[in-house]
Amino acid sequence: MIVNHELKFIFYHVPKTAGTSFRLALSRIPGSVNIGKPTKHLTPAEIGTVLPPDKAAAVAGYFSFCFVRDPWERFGSLHRFLVLKHRDRYQVPEDLNDFVTALGDRRGRLQPWHSTRPQMDFAKGLSFVGKFESIEQDAAHIAQLIGWPHLKMKHKNASGDVVRYRDRMTAESQAIIAEIYRDDIEQLGYR
């Protein structure tokens, strides 16, 4: 999460939506503060847990934004990232569909992870919600809205090959994602 008290904006980092690239670009703007403890993935409802009450009240009036992504692609990207970087640490199955099945077990170990939370937990009530699928246009729009000439972004944390993860999912896996992220799909306009 990035807060800028000079330009009066707050960026909420939704996992696996190019958030690390945005945090890096926004952190170069004078006055930006990177809030990353205990996690960089705080929701608007959680802001009061890391900021003093007076600062939390102040940022409530700031321009607030995040980026979201197609839920099937986001979950596939999370799987790819974990397999490449943290497979042994989190005991991530190699097969994407096995990973989706683990998510479908609502009592399973994936449920409390920030990376598997619905995107609407982050996006609800924000001033602007950009989309990963239109990242360049939305980033330019945000730069204009915050009064900054240009957001210079470098892609960080890329999961590797450009693939359509949904095409690698079985119909059952696609249905699990559709059920768990129903609000994201409906509220954010994904199909």
N, C-alpha and C. Protein backbone atom coordinates (compact mmCIF):
# COMPACT_ATOMS: atom_id res chain seq x y z
N MET A 1 0.86 -1.16 0.00
CA MET A 1 0.00 0.00 0.00
C MET A 1 0.91 1.23 0.00
N ILE A 2 0.51 2.23 -0.76
CA ILE A 2 1.23 3.50 -0.81
C ILE A 2 0.28 4.61 -0.39
N VAL A 3 0.73 5.46 0.51
CA VAL A 3 -0.01 6.64 0.92
C VAL A 3 0.84 7.86 0.59
N ASN A 4 0.23 8.87 0.00
CA ASN A 4 0.93 10.12 -0.29
C ASN A 4 0.09 11.25 0.31
N HIS A 5 0.65 11.88 1.38
CA HIS A 5 -0.08 12.94 2.07
C HIS A 5 0.02 14.27 1.34
N GLU A 6 0.99 14.42 0.44
CA GLU A 6 1.12 15.66 -0.32
C GLU A 6 0.10 15.71 -1.46
N LEU A 7 0.05 14.65 -2.24
CA LEU A 7 -0.89 14.59 -3.36
C LEU A 7 -2.23 13.99 -2.95
N LYS A 8 -2.31 13.54 -1.73
CA LYS A 8 -3.55 13.03 -1.14
C LYS A 8 -4.15 11.85 -1.92
N PHE A 9 -3.35 10.79 -2.01
CA PHE A 9 -3.85 9.56 -2.60
C PHE A 9 -3.40 8.37 -1.79
N ILE A 10 -4.14 7.29 -1.95
CA ILE A 10 -3.79 6.02 -1.33
C ILE A 10 -4.02 4.90 -2.34
N PHE A 11 -3.02 4.06 -2.48
CA PHE A 11 -3.08 2.92 -3.39
C PHE A 11 -3.19 1.64 -2.58
N TYR A 12 -4.24 0.87 -2.84
CA TYR A 12 -4.43 -0.42 -2.19
C TYR A 12 -3.92 -1.51 -3.11
N HIS A 13 -3.02 -2.33 -2.61
CA HIS A 13 -2.34 -3.36 -3.39
C HIS A 13 -3.10 -4.68 -3.33
N VAL A 14 -3.84 -4.96 -4.39
CA VAL A 14 -4.52 -6.24 -4.53
C VAL A 14 -3.50 -7.25 -5.05
N PRO A 15 -3.32 -8.38 -4.38
CA PRO A 15 -2.32 -9.36 -4.82
C PRO A 15 -2.56 -9.85 -6.25
N LYS A 16 -1.47 -10.00 -6.99
CA LYS A 16 -1.43 -10.55 -8.35
C LYS A 16 -2.20 -9.71 -9.37
N THR A 17 -2.07 -8.39 -9.25
CA THR A 17 -2.71 -7.48 -10.22
C THR A 17 -1.73 -6.40 -10.67
N ALA A 18 -0.44 -6.70 -10.69
CA ALA A 18 0.64 -5.76 -11.01
C ALA A 18 0.85 -4.74 -9.89
N GLY A 19 0.43 -5.09 -8.69
CA GLY A 19 0.54 -4.19 -7.55
C GLY A 19 1.96 -3.84 -7.17
N THR A 20 2.88 -4.78 -7.27
CA THR A 20 4.28 -4.49 -6.94
C THR A 20 4.84 -3.46 -7.92
N SER A 21 4.50 -3.57 -9.18
CA SER A 21 4.95 -2.58 -10.17
C SER A 21 4.38 -1.20 -9.85
N PHE A 22 3.10 -1.16 -9.45
CA PHE A 22 2.49 0.12 -9.08
C PHE A 22 3.12 0.69 -7.82
N ARG A 23 3.34 -0.16 -6.83
CA ARG A 23 3.97 0.34 -5.59
C ARG A 23 5.33 0.96 -5.89
N LEU A 24 6.12 0.31 -6.73
CA LEU A 24 7.44 0.84 -7.07
C LEU A 24 7.33 2.17 -7.81
N ALA A 25 6.42 2.25 -8.77
CA ALA A 25 6.25 3.50 -9.53
C ALA A 25 5.75 4.62 -8.62
N LEU A 26 4.78 4.32 -7.78
CA LEU A 26 4.20 5.34 -6.90
C LEU A 26 5.17 5.75 -5.80
N SER A 27 6.04 4.85 -5.38
CA SER A 27 6.99 5.17 -4.30
C SER A 27 8.03 6.19 -4.76
N ARG A 28 8.18 6.36 -6.06
CA ARG A 28 9.13 7.36 -6.59
C ARG A 28 8.56 8.78 -6.55
N ILE A 29 7.29 8.92 -6.29
CA ILE A 29 6.66 10.24 -6.22
C ILE A 29 6.96 10.84 -4.85
N PRO A 30 7.50 12.06 -4.81
CA PRO A 30 7.80 12.68 -3.52
C PRO A 30 6.57 12.69 -2.60
N GLY A 31 6.81 12.36 -1.35
CA GLY A 31 5.74 12.33 -0.36
C GLY A 31 5.09 10.98 -0.19
N SER A 32 5.46 10.00 -1.02
CA SER A 32 4.86 8.67 -0.92
C SER A 32 5.50 7.86 0.20
N VAL A 33 4.66 7.15 0.93
CA VAL A 33 5.11 6.29 2.01
C VAL A 33 4.60 4.88 1.71
N ASN A 34 5.50 3.92 1.72
CA ASN A 34 5.16 2.53 1.47
C ASN A 34 4.81 1.88 2.80
N ILE A 35 3.57 1.48 2.95
CA ILE A 35 3.13 0.83 4.18
C ILE A 35 3.07 -0.66 3.89
N GLY A 36 3.92 -1.41 4.55
CA GLY A 36 4.00 -2.82 4.25
C GLY A 36 4.01 -3.73 5.45
N LYS A 37 3.73 -3.23 6.62
CA LYS A 37 3.73 -4.07 7.82
C LYS A 37 2.34 -4.07 8.43
N PRO A 38 1.78 -5.14 8.83
CA PRO A 38 2.30 -6.49 8.75
C PRO A 38 2.22 -7.08 7.33
N THR A 39 1.46 -6.45 6.44
CA THR A 39 1.38 -6.90 5.06
C THR A 39 1.18 -5.69 4.16
N LYS A 40 1.62 -5.81 2.92
CA LYS A 40 1.39 -4.73 1.96
C LYS A 40 0.00 -4.81 1.35
N HIS A 41 -0.75 -5.84 1.71
CA HIS A 41 -2.08 -6.09 1.14
C HIS A 41 -3.19 -5.77 2.12
N LEU A 42 -3.28 -4.53 2.53
CA LEU A 42 -4.34 -4.11 3.44
C LEU A 42 -5.56 -3.65 2.65
N THR A 43 -6.72 -3.89 3.20
CA THR A 43 -7.96 -3.41 2.60
C THR A 43 -8.34 -2.07 3.23
N PRO A 44 -9.25 -1.33 2.62
CA PRO A 44 -9.69 -0.08 3.24
C PRO A 44 -10.22 -0.28 4.67
N ALA A 45 -10.84 -1.40 4.93
CA ALA A 45 -11.36 -1.67 6.28
C ALA A 45 -10.24 -1.89 7.29
N GLU A 46 -9.05 -2.24 6.81
CA GLU A 46 -7.93 -2.54 7.71
C GLU A 46 -6.96 -1.38 7.90
N ILE A 47 -7.17 -0.27 7.23
CA ILE A 47 -6.22 0.84 7.27
C ILE A 47 -5.99 1.34 8.69
N GLY A 48 -7.02 1.31 9.52
CA GLY A 48 -6.90 1.76 10.89
C GLY A 48 -6.00 0.89 11.76
N THR A 49 -5.64 -0.30 11.26
CA THR A 49 -4.77 -1.18 12.03
C THR A 49 -3.30 -0.79 11.92
N VAL A 50 -2.95 0.04 10.93
CA VAL A 50 -1.54 0.41 10.74
C VAL A 50 -1.29 1.91 10.84
N LEU A 51 -2.34 2.71 10.77
CA LEU A 51 -2.18 4.15 10.86
C LEU A 51 -2.80 4.65 12.16
N PRO A 52 -2.20 5.69 12.76
CA PRO A 52 -2.84 6.28 13.94
C PRO A 52 -4.21 6.83 13.56
N PRO A 53 -5.13 6.95 14.51
CA PRO A 53 -6.50 7.37 14.19
C PRO A 53 -6.58 8.68 13.41
N ASP A 54 -5.74 9.67 13.73
CA ASP A 54 -5.82 10.93 12.99
C ASP A 54 -5.40 10.77 11.53
N LYS A 55 -4.37 9.95 11.28
CA LYS A 55 -3.92 9.70 9.90
C LYS A 55 -4.94 8.85 9.15
N ALA A 56 -5.51 7.86 9.81
CA ALA A 56 -6.53 7.00 9.18
C ALA A 56 -7.74 7.84 8.77
N ALA A 57 -8.13 8.78 9.63
CA ALA A 57 -9.25 9.66 9.30
C ALA A 57 -8.91 10.56 8.12
N ALA A 58 -7.66 11.03 8.07
CA ALA A 58 -7.23 11.90 6.97
C ALA A 58 -7.26 11.18 5.63
N VAL A 59 -6.74 9.95 5.59
CA VAL A 59 -6.68 9.24 4.31
C VAL A 59 -8.05 8.82 3.83
N ALA A 60 -9.04 8.80 4.71
CA ALA A 60 -10.40 8.44 4.29
C ALA A 60 -10.92 9.40 3.22
N GLY A 61 -10.41 10.62 3.19
CA GLY A 61 -10.84 11.59 2.19
C GLY A 61 -9.93 11.67 0.98
N TYR A 62 -8.89 10.87 0.94
CA TYR A 62 -7.95 10.89 -0.18
C TYR A 62 -8.53 10.17 -1.40
N PHE A 63 -7.98 10.49 -2.57
CA PHE A 63 -8.27 9.72 -3.78
C PHE A 63 -7.71 8.32 -3.55
N SER A 64 -8.55 7.32 -3.68
CA SER A 64 -8.13 5.94 -3.40
C SER A 64 -8.33 5.09 -4.63
N PHE A 65 -7.40 4.18 -4.85
CA PHE A 65 -7.51 3.33 -6.03
C PHE A 65 -6.79 2.01 -5.85
N CYS A 66 -7.13 1.07 -6.71
CA CYS A 66 -6.48 -0.23 -6.77
C CYS A 66 -6.61 -0.75 -8.20
N PHE A 67 -5.98 -1.86 -8.45
CA PHE A 67 -6.14 -2.57 -9.72
C PHE A 67 -6.67 -3.95 -9.43
N VAL A 68 -7.53 -4.43 -10.33
CA VAL A 68 -8.12 -5.76 -10.22
C VAL A 68 -7.82 -6.53 -11.50
N ARG A 69 -8.15 -7.82 -11.47
CA ARG A 69 -7.82 -8.69 -12.60
C ARG A 69 -8.87 -9.78 -12.72
N ASP A 70 -9.05 -10.28 -13.92
CA ASP A 70 -9.92 -11.43 -14.15
C ASP A 70 -9.62 -12.48 -13.09
N PRO A 71 -10.63 -12.91 -12.31
CA PRO A 71 -10.37 -13.83 -11.20
C PRO A 71 -9.72 -15.15 -11.59
N TRP A 72 -10.05 -15.71 -12.73
CA TRP A 72 -9.42 -16.96 -13.16
C TRP A 72 -7.94 -16.73 -13.48
N GLU A 73 -7.66 -15.63 -14.17
CA GLU A 73 -6.28 -15.31 -14.52
C GLU A 73 -5.46 -14.95 -13.28
N ARG A 74 -6.08 -14.22 -12.36
CA ARG A 74 -5.40 -13.84 -11.12
C ARG A 74 -5.00 -15.08 -10.33
N PHE A 75 -5.93 -16.02 -10.19
CA PHE A 75 -5.62 -17.22 -9.42
C PHE A 75 -4.57 -18.08 -10.13
N GLY A 76 -4.65 -18.16 -11.45
CA GLY A 76 -3.64 -18.89 -12.20
C GLY A 76 -2.27 -18.25 -12.06
N SER A 77 -2.23 -16.93 -12.06
CA SER A 77 -0.97 -16.21 -11.89
C SER A 77 -0.39 -16.46 -10.50
N LEU A 78 -1.26 -16.49 -9.49
CA LEU A 78 -0.81 -16.80 -8.13
C LEU A 78 -0.18 -18.19 -8.10
N HIS A 79 -0.83 -19.15 -8.71
CA HIS A 79 -0.29 -20.51 -8.74
C HIS A 79 1.08 -20.53 -9.39
N ARG A 80 1.19 -19.92 -10.55
CA ARG A 80 2.47 -19.91 -11.28
C ARG A 80 3.57 -19.25 -10.44
N PHE A 81 3.25 -18.12 -9.81
CA PHE A 81 4.21 -17.40 -8.96
C PHE A 81 4.68 -18.29 -7.81
N LEU A 82 3.75 -18.96 -7.14
CA LEU A 82 4.11 -19.80 -6.01
C LEU A 82 4.92 -21.02 -6.44
N VAL A 83 4.57 -21.61 -7.56
CA VAL A 83 5.33 -22.77 -8.05
C VAL A 83 6.76 -22.35 -8.38
N LEU A 84 6.91 -21.18 -9.01
CA LEU A 84 8.25 -20.72 -9.38
C LEU A 84 9.08 -20.24 -8.20
N LYS A 85 8.46 -19.60 -7.22
CA LYS A 85 9.23 -18.94 -6.16
C LYS A 85 9.12 -19.58 -4.78
N HIS A 86 8.01 -20.24 -4.48
CA HIS A 86 7.78 -20.70 -3.10
C HIS A 86 7.16 -22.10 -3.03
N ARG A 87 7.43 -22.93 -4.00
CA ARG A 87 6.76 -24.22 -4.09
C ARG A 87 6.94 -25.06 -2.82
N ASP A 88 8.17 -25.20 -2.37
CA ASP A 88 8.43 -26.04 -1.20
C ASP A 88 7.92 -25.40 0.09
N ARG A 89 8.09 -24.10 0.19
CA ARG A 89 7.67 -23.40 1.41
C ARG A 89 6.17 -23.56 1.67
N TYR A 90 5.37 -23.46 0.60
CA TYR A 90 3.91 -23.54 0.77
C TYR A 90 3.32 -24.86 0.29
N GLN A 91 4.19 -25.80 -0.10
CA GLN A 91 3.74 -27.10 -0.58
C GLN A 91 2.67 -26.95 -1.67
N VAL A 92 3.03 -26.20 -2.68
CA VAL A 92 2.11 -25.91 -3.78
C VAL A 92 2.12 -27.05 -4.78
N PRO A 93 0.95 -27.60 -5.11
CA PRO A 93 0.93 -28.66 -6.13
C PRO A 93 1.32 -28.10 -7.50
N GLU A 94 2.00 -28.90 -8.26
CA GLU A 94 2.44 -28.50 -9.60
C GLU A 94 1.25 -28.23 -10.53
N ASP A 95 0.21 -28.99 -10.36
CA ASP A 95 -0.96 -28.88 -11.23
C ASP A 95 -1.89 -27.76 -10.77
N LEU A 96 -2.23 -26.86 -11.69
CA LEU A 96 -3.11 -25.74 -11.39
C LEU A 96 -4.46 -26.21 -10.87
N ASN A 97 -5.02 -27.25 -11.45
CA ASN A 97 -6.34 -27.72 -11.03
C ASN A 97 -6.32 -28.29 -9.61
N ASP A 98 -5.23 -28.90 -9.22
CA ASP A 98 -5.10 -29.36 -7.83
C ASP A 98 -5.05 -28.16 -6.88
N PHE A 99 -4.43 -27.10 -7.31
CA PHE A 99 -4.36 -25.88 -6.49
C PHE A 99 -5.75 -25.25 -6.36
N VAL A 100 -6.51 -25.23 -7.44
CA VAL A 100 -7.88 -24.71 -7.39
C VAL A 100 -8.72 -25.56 -6.44
N THR A 101 -8.55 -26.87 -6.49
CA THR A 101 -9.28 -27.76 -5.59
C THR A 101 -8.97 -27.43 -4.13
N ALA A 102 -7.71 -27.13 -3.84
CA ALA A 102 -7.31 -26.73 -2.48
C ALA A 102 -8.02 -25.44 -2.07
N LEU A 103 -8.20 -24.51 -3.01
CA LEU A 103 -8.93 -23.29 -2.71
C LEU A 103 -10.40 -23.61 -2.43
N GLY A 104 -10.94 -24.55 -3.18
CA GLY A 104 -12.34 -24.92 -3.02
C GLY A 104 -12.66 -25.54 -1.67
N ASP A 105 -11.64 -26.06 -0.98
CA ASP A 105 -11.84 -26.59 0.37
C ASP A 105 -11.87 -25.41 1.32
N ARG A 106 -13.03 -24.92 1.61
CA ARG A 106 -13.20 -23.67 2.38
C ARG A 106 -12.54 -23.72 3.75
N ARG A 107 -12.28 -24.90 4.25
CA ARG A 107 -11.58 -25.02 5.53
C ARG A 107 -10.08 -25.16 5.32
N GLY A 108 -9.67 -25.16 4.07
CA GLY A 108 -8.28 -25.43 3.73
C GLY A 108 -7.33 -24.30 4.10
N ARG A 109 -6.07 -24.57 3.91
CA ARG A 109 -5.01 -23.62 4.30
C ARG A 109 -4.94 -22.39 3.42
N LEU A 110 -5.55 -22.40 2.24
CA LEU A 110 -5.47 -21.24 1.35
C LEU A 110 -6.43 -20.12 1.73
N GLN A 111 -7.48 -20.43 2.46
CA GLN A 111 -8.51 -19.43 2.74
C GLN A 111 -8.00 -18.16 3.43
N PRO A 112 -7.12 -18.24 4.43
CA PRO A 112 -6.72 -17.01 5.10
C PRO A 112 -5.65 -16.19 4.36
N TRP A 113 -5.11 -16.69 3.26
CA TRP A 113 -4.05 -15.98 2.55
C TRP A 113 -4.59 -14.69 1.94
N HIS A 114 -3.82 -13.61 2.07
CA HIS A 114 -4.19 -12.35 1.43
C HIS A 114 -4.33 -12.53 -0.08
N SER A 115 -3.49 -13.36 -0.64
CA SER A 115 -3.47 -13.55 -2.09
C SER A 115 -4.71 -14.25 -2.63
N THR A 116 -5.49 -14.86 -1.76
CA THR A 116 -6.71 -15.53 -2.23
C THR A 116 -7.97 -14.79 -1.83
N ARG A 117 -7.83 -13.65 -1.17
CA ARG A 117 -9.01 -12.88 -0.76
C ARG A 117 -9.73 -12.33 -1.99
N PRO A 118 -11.03 -12.18 -1.91
CA PRO A 118 -11.75 -11.55 -3.02
C PRO A 118 -11.24 -10.12 -3.24
N GLN A 119 -11.21 -9.73 -4.49
CA GLN A 119 -10.73 -8.39 -4.84
C GLN A 119 -11.67 -7.30 -4.34
N MET A 120 -12.95 -7.63 -4.19
CA MET A 120 -13.90 -6.64 -3.69
C MET A 120 -13.59 -6.25 -2.24
N ASP A 121 -12.87 -7.08 -1.50
CA ASP A 121 -12.43 -6.69 -0.16
C ASP A 121 -11.55 -5.43 -0.24
N PHE A 122 -10.82 -5.29 -1.34
CA PHE A 122 -9.91 -4.16 -1.55
C PHE A 122 -10.60 -3.02 -2.30
N ALA A 123 -11.47 -3.36 -3.24
CA ALA A 123 -12.00 -2.37 -4.20
C ALA A 123 -13.25 -1.62 -3.72
N LYS A 124 -13.97 -2.19 -2.79
CA LYS A 124 -15.25 -1.61 -2.36
C LYS A 124 -15.04 -0.20 -1.79
N GLY A 125 -15.75 0.76 -2.37
CA GLY A 125 -15.73 2.13 -1.86
C GLY A 125 -14.57 3.00 -2.31
N LEU A 126 -13.72 2.50 -3.20
CA LEU A 126 -12.58 3.30 -3.66
C LEU A 126 -13.01 4.32 -4.71
N SER A 127 -12.18 5.33 -4.89
CA SER A 127 -12.46 6.37 -5.88
C SER A 127 -12.34 5.84 -7.31
N PHE A 128 -11.40 4.92 -7.52
CA PHE A 128 -11.15 4.40 -8.87
C PHE A 128 -10.65 2.97 -8.77
N VAL A 129 -11.18 2.12 -9.65
CA VAL A 129 -10.72 0.73 -9.74
C VAL A 129 -10.25 0.51 -11.17
N GLY A 130 -8.93 0.36 -11.32
CA GLY A 130 -8.35 0.08 -12.63
C GLY A 130 -8.34 -1.42 -12.88
N LYS A 131 -8.16 -1.76 -14.13
CA LYS A 131 -8.13 -3.17 -14.49
C LYS A 131 -6.78 -3.54 -15.10
N PHE A 132 -6.29 -4.70 -14.70
CA PHE A 132 -5.05 -5.26 -15.23
C PHE A 132 -5.13 -5.33 -16.76
N GLU A 133 -6.31 -5.63 -17.26
CA GLU A 133 -6.49 -5.81 -18.70
C GLU A 133 -6.39 -4.50 -19.48
N SER A 134 -6.52 -3.37 -18.81
CA SER A 134 -6.36 -2.06 -19.46
C SER A 134 -5.37 -1.21 -18.66
N ILE A 135 -4.29 -1.85 -18.23
CA ILE A 135 -3.36 -1.27 -17.28
C ILE A 135 -2.72 0.04 -17.77
N GLU A 136 -2.32 0.09 -19.02
CA GLU A 136 -1.64 1.30 -19.51
C GLU A 136 -2.58 2.51 -19.53
N GLN A 137 -3.79 2.32 -20.05
CA GLN A 137 -4.75 3.41 -20.09
C GLN A 137 -5.16 3.85 -18.68
N ASP A 138 -5.40 2.88 -17.82
CA ASP A 138 -5.83 3.19 -16.46
C ASP A 138 -4.71 3.85 -15.66
N ALA A 139 -3.47 3.43 -15.87
CA ALA A 139 -2.33 4.06 -15.18
C ALA A 139 -2.18 5.51 -15.64
N ALA A 140 -2.36 5.77 -16.92
CA ALA A 140 -2.29 7.14 -17.42
C ALA A 140 -3.41 7.99 -16.82
N HIS A 141 -4.59 7.41 -16.69
CA HIS A 141 -5.72 8.11 -16.10
C HIS A 141 -5.46 8.43 -14.63
N ILE A 142 -4.90 7.48 -13.90
CA ILE A 142 -4.57 7.71 -12.49
C ILE A 142 -3.53 8.81 -12.36
N ALA A 143 -2.49 8.79 -13.19
CA ALA A 143 -1.47 9.83 -13.14
C ALA A 143 -2.11 11.20 -13.30
N GLN A 144 -3.03 11.31 -14.23
CA GLN A 144 -3.73 12.57 -14.45
C GLN A 144 -4.56 12.95 -13.21
N LEU A 145 -5.25 12.00 -12.64
CA LEU A 145 -6.11 12.28 -11.49
C LEU A 145 -5.32 12.70 -10.23
N ILE A 146 -4.12 12.13 -10.05
CA ILE A 146 -3.34 12.50 -8.87
C ILE A 146 -2.43 13.70 -9.12
N GLY A 147 -2.43 14.18 -10.36
CA GLY A 147 -1.63 15.35 -10.68
C GLY A 147 -0.15 15.06 -10.87
N TRP A 148 0.13 13.88 -11.37
CA TRP A 148 1.52 13.50 -11.62
C TRP A 148 1.67 13.26 -13.12
N PRO A 149 2.74 13.77 -13.73
CA PRO A 149 2.80 13.72 -15.19
C PRO A 149 2.82 12.32 -15.82
N HIS A 150 3.43 11.35 -15.12
CA HIS A 150 3.60 10.06 -15.78
C HIS A 150 3.99 9.01 -14.74
N LEU A 151 3.36 7.87 -14.79
CA LEU A 151 3.76 6.76 -13.93
C LEU A 151 4.68 5.85 -14.73
N LYS A 152 5.95 5.87 -14.38
CA LYS A 152 6.93 5.04 -15.08
C LYS A 152 6.95 3.67 -14.41
N MET A 153 6.47 2.68 -15.14
CA MET A 153 6.31 1.36 -14.54
C MET A 153 7.23 0.34 -15.18
N LYS A 154 7.76 -0.52 -14.33
CA LYS A 154 8.51 -1.68 -14.78
C LYS A 154 7.79 -2.89 -14.23
N HIS A 155 7.64 -3.91 -15.05
CA HIS A 155 6.89 -5.09 -14.63
C HIS A 155 7.74 -5.90 -13.65
N LYS A 156 7.29 -5.97 -12.42
CA LYS A 156 7.94 -6.76 -11.38
C LYS A 156 7.04 -7.93 -11.02
N ASN A 157 7.64 -8.98 -10.51
CA ASN A 157 6.90 -10.16 -10.05
C ASN A 157 6.12 -10.85 -11.16
N ALA A 158 6.56 -10.68 -12.40
CA ALA A 158 5.88 -11.36 -13.50
C ALA A 158 5.98 -12.87 -13.28
N SER A 159 4.93 -13.56 -13.59
CA SER A 159 4.89 -15.01 -13.35
C SER A 159 5.51 -15.82 -14.47
N GLY A 160 5.99 -15.19 -15.49
CA GLY A 160 6.64 -15.95 -16.56
C GLY A 160 5.91 -15.80 -17.88
N ASP A 161 5.71 -16.94 -18.54
CA ASP A 161 5.10 -16.95 -19.86
C ASP A 161 3.74 -16.27 -19.87
N VAL A 162 3.42 -15.67 -21.00
CA VAL A 162 2.09 -15.10 -21.17
C VAL A 162 1.18 -16.25 -21.59
N VAL A 163 0.28 -16.60 -20.69
CA VAL A 163 -0.63 -17.71 -20.95
C VAL A 163 -2.03 -17.30 -20.50
N ARG A 164 -3.01 -18.02 -20.98
CA ARG A 164 -4.36 -17.85 -20.45
C ARG A 164 -4.56 -19.00 -19.48
N TYR A 165 -4.53 -18.66 -18.20
CA TYR A 165 -4.65 -19.68 -17.17
C TYR A 165 -6.00 -20.37 -17.21
N ARG A 166 -7.03 -19.63 -17.57
CA ARG A 166 -8.37 -20.21 -17.61
C ARG A 166 -8.41 -21.39 -18.58
N ASP A 167 -7.66 -21.28 -19.68
CA ASP A 167 -7.62 -22.37 -20.66
C ASP A 167 -6.97 -23.63 -20.10
N ARG A 168 -6.20 -23.50 -19.03
CA ARG A 168 -5.55 -24.65 -18.40
C ARG A 168 -6.38 -25.25 -17.27
N MET A 169 -7.52 -24.63 -17.00
CA MET A 169 -8.39 -25.11 -15.92
C MET A 169 -9.48 -26.01 -16.49
N THR A 170 -9.81 -27.04 -15.73
CA THR A 170 -10.94 -27.88 -16.08
C THR A 170 -12.22 -27.08 -15.85
N ALA A 171 -13.32 -27.58 -16.38
CA ALA A 171 -14.62 -26.92 -16.16
C ALA A 171 -14.93 -26.87 -14.66
N GLU A 172 -14.58 -27.93 -13.94
CA GLU A 172 -14.82 -27.96 -12.49
C GLU A 172 -14.00 -26.87 -11.79
N SER A 173 -12.75 -26.70 -12.17
CA SER A 173 -11.91 -25.66 -11.57
C SER A 173 -12.44 -24.27 -11.89
N GLN A 174 -12.87 -24.08 -13.12
CA GLN A 174 -13.45 -22.78 -13.49
C GLN A 174 -14.70 -22.49 -12.65
N ALA A 175 -15.48 -23.51 -12.39
CA ALA A 175 -16.70 -23.34 -11.59
C ALA A 175 -16.35 -23.01 -10.13
N ILE A 176 -15.31 -23.61 -9.59
CA ILE A 176 -14.87 -23.31 -8.22
C ILE A 176 -14.48 -21.85 -8.12
N ILE A 177 -13.68 -21.37 -9.06
CA ILE A 177 -13.26 -19.95 -9.08
C ILE A 177 -14.50 -19.06 -9.20
N ALA A 178 -15.41 -19.43 -10.09
CA ALA A 178 -16.62 -18.62 -10.30
C ALA A 178 -17.46 -18.54 -9.02
N GLU A 179 -17.52 -19.62 -8.26
CA GLU A 179 -18.30 -19.61 -7.02
C GLU A 179 -17.61 -18.77 -5.94
N ILE A 180 -16.34 -19.00 -5.73
CA ILE A 180 -15.63 -18.31 -4.65
C ILE A 180 -15.50 -16.81 -4.92
N TYR A 181 -15.30 -16.45 -6.18
CA TYR A 181 -15.12 -15.04 -6.53
C TYR A 181 -16.35 -14.46 -7.24
N ARG A 182 -17.53 -14.95 -6.88
CA ARG A 182 -18.78 -14.50 -7.50
C ARG A 182 -18.94 -12.98 -7.42
N ASP A 183 -18.69 -12.39 -6.24
CA ASP A 183 -18.83 -10.94 -6.10
C ASP A 183 -17.85 -10.19 -6.99
N ASP A 184 -16.62 -10.67 -7.07
CA ASP A 184 -15.63 -10.03 -7.96
C ASP A 184 -16.12 -10.05 -9.40
N ILE A 185 -16.62 -11.18 -9.82
CA ILE A 185 -17.07 -11.35 -11.20
C ILE A 185 -18.25 -10.41 -11.49
N GLU A 186 -19.21 -10.38 -10.59
CA GLU A 186 -20.40 -9.56 -10.79
C GLU A 186 -20.10 -8.06 -10.64
N GLN A 187 -19.43 -7.70 -9.56
CA GLN A 187 -19.20 -6.28 -9.26
C GLN A 187 -18.17 -5.63 -10.17
N LEU A 188 -17.19 -6.41 -10.64
CA LEU A 188 -16.10 -5.85 -11.44
C LEU A 188 -16.28 -6.08 -12.93
N GLY A 189 -17.35 -6.75 -13.30
CA GLY A 189 -17.68 -6.89 -14.72
C GLY A 189 -16.91 -7.97 -15.46
N TYR A 190 -16.51 -9.03 -14.77
CA TYR A 190 -15.83 -10.12 -15.47
C TYR A 190 -16.83 -11.20 -15.83
N ARG A 191 -16.47 -12.03 -16.81
CA ARG A 191 -17.35 -13.10 -17.27
C ARG A 191 -16.58 -14.41 -17.30
